[in-house]
């Protein structure tokens, strides 16, 4: 994974593709960064959330740590606290 990703589809199209019961207003972007609010789909419901990795040992909302931890290596995921 890299430090940014691209959201090309409109919320209405995401709603149609995933069969969501609702949609939220979101603007497609070619430069989505960690901590940016993005649409999330869980159990056919669309909501907003922040993208990033916040480990269990972090404070409640440690934005600096979350921005630094964009990726977790699959090779060491069972060995490291992150």
Protein backbone atom coordinates (compact mmCIF):
# COMPACT_ATOMS: atom_id res chain seq x y z
CA UNK A 1 0.00 0.00 0.00
CA UNK A 2 1.15 3.54 -0.55
CA UNK A 3 0.60 6.79 1.35
CA UNK A 4 -2.24 8.06 -0.82
CA UNK A 5 -5.09 6.68 -2.85
CA UNK A 6 -7.61 7.74 -5.48
CA UNK A 7 -11.41 7.85 -5.16
CA UNK A 8 -12.92 8.24 -8.60
CA UNK A 9 -16.57 7.27 -8.03
CA UNK A 10 -19.34 9.53 -6.82
CA UNK A 11 -21.24 8.66 -3.62
CA UNK A 12 -24.35 7.91 -5.69
CA UNK A 13 -22.46 5.40 -7.82
CA UNK A 14 -20.88 3.78 -4.74
CA UNK A 15 -24.38 3.49 -3.29
CA UNK A 16 -25.60 1.74 -6.43
CA UNK A 17 -22.59 -0.61 -6.77
CA UNK A 18 -22.60 -1.74 -3.13
CA UNK A 19 -26.37 -1.62 -2.60
CA UNK A 20 -26.10 0.91 0.22
CA UNK A 21 -29.26 2.07 1.97
CA UNK A 22 -27.93 5.64 2.08
CA UNK A 23 -25.07 7.79 0.86
CA UNK A 24 -23.02 10.65 2.23
CA UNK A 25 -21.75 13.64 0.34
CA UNK A 26 -18.13 13.16 -0.67
CA UNK A 27 -16.07 14.64 -3.46
CA UNK A 28 -14.01 12.31 -5.64
CA UNK A 29 -10.31 13.03 -5.19
CA UNK A 30 -7.06 11.91 -6.74
CA UNK A 31 -5.03 12.67 -3.62
CA UNK A 32 -6.55 11.10 -0.48
CA UNK A 33 -4.08 11.18 2.41
CA UNK A 34 -4.04 9.61 5.90
CA UNK A 35 -6.39 11.34 8.37
CA UNK A 36 -8.58 12.66 5.56
CA UNK A 37 -12.30 11.93 5.94
CA UNK A 38 -13.48 9.40 3.33
CA UNK A 39 -16.63 7.37 2.66
CA UNK A 40 -16.74 3.93 4.34
CA UNK A 41 -19.20 1.16 3.56
CA UNK A 42 -20.08 -1.37 6.24
CA UNK A 43 -23.02 -3.76 5.97
CA UNK A 44 -24.70 -1.78 3.19
CA UNK A 45 -24.48 1.51 5.13
CA UNK A 46 -22.26 4.37 4.00
CA UNK A 47 -20.62 6.65 6.54
CA UNK A 48 -17.52 8.77 6.95
CA UNK A 49 -14.27 7.82 8.58
CA UNK A 50 -10.61 8.68 8.63
CA UNK A 51 -8.05 6.59 6.81
CA UNK A 52 -5.03 5.54 8.84
CA UNK A 53 -3.62 2.92 11.19
CA UNK A 54 -4.09 3.56 14.93
CA UNK A 55 -2.53 0.78 17.03
CA UNK A 56 -3.99 -0.42 20.34
CA UNK A 57 -1.16 1.14 22.36
CA UNK A 58 -1.83 4.66 21.02
CA UNK A 59 -3.72 7.36 22.86
CA UNK A 60 -7.40 7.81 22.01
CA UNK A 61 -6.84 9.99 18.97
CA UNK A 62 -3.10 10.28 18.32
CA UNK A 63 -3.20 12.01 14.92
CA UNK A 64 0.58 12.30 14.61
CA UNK A 65 1.10 8.56 15.13
CA UNK A 66 -1.80 7.72 12.84
CA UNK A 67 -0.37 9.87 10.04
CA UNK A 68 3.02 8.17 10.34
CA UNK A 69 1.63 4.62 10.34
CA UNK A 70 0.24 4.20 6.87
CA UNK A 71 1.29 0.61 6.34
CA UNK A 72 1.84 -2.61 8.29
CA UNK A 73 4.12 -5.31 6.90
CA UNK A 74 2.42 -8.67 6.57
CA UNK A 75 5.75 -10.46 7.19
CA UNK A 76 6.02 -9.11 10.77
CA UNK A 77 2.40 -8.41 11.67
CA UNK A 78 2.32 -11.13 14.37
CA UNK A 79 5.59 -9.94 15.93
CA UNK A 80 5.23 -6.16 16.21
CA UNK A 81 2.84 -4.21 18.48
CA UNK A 82 1.67 -2.01 15.62
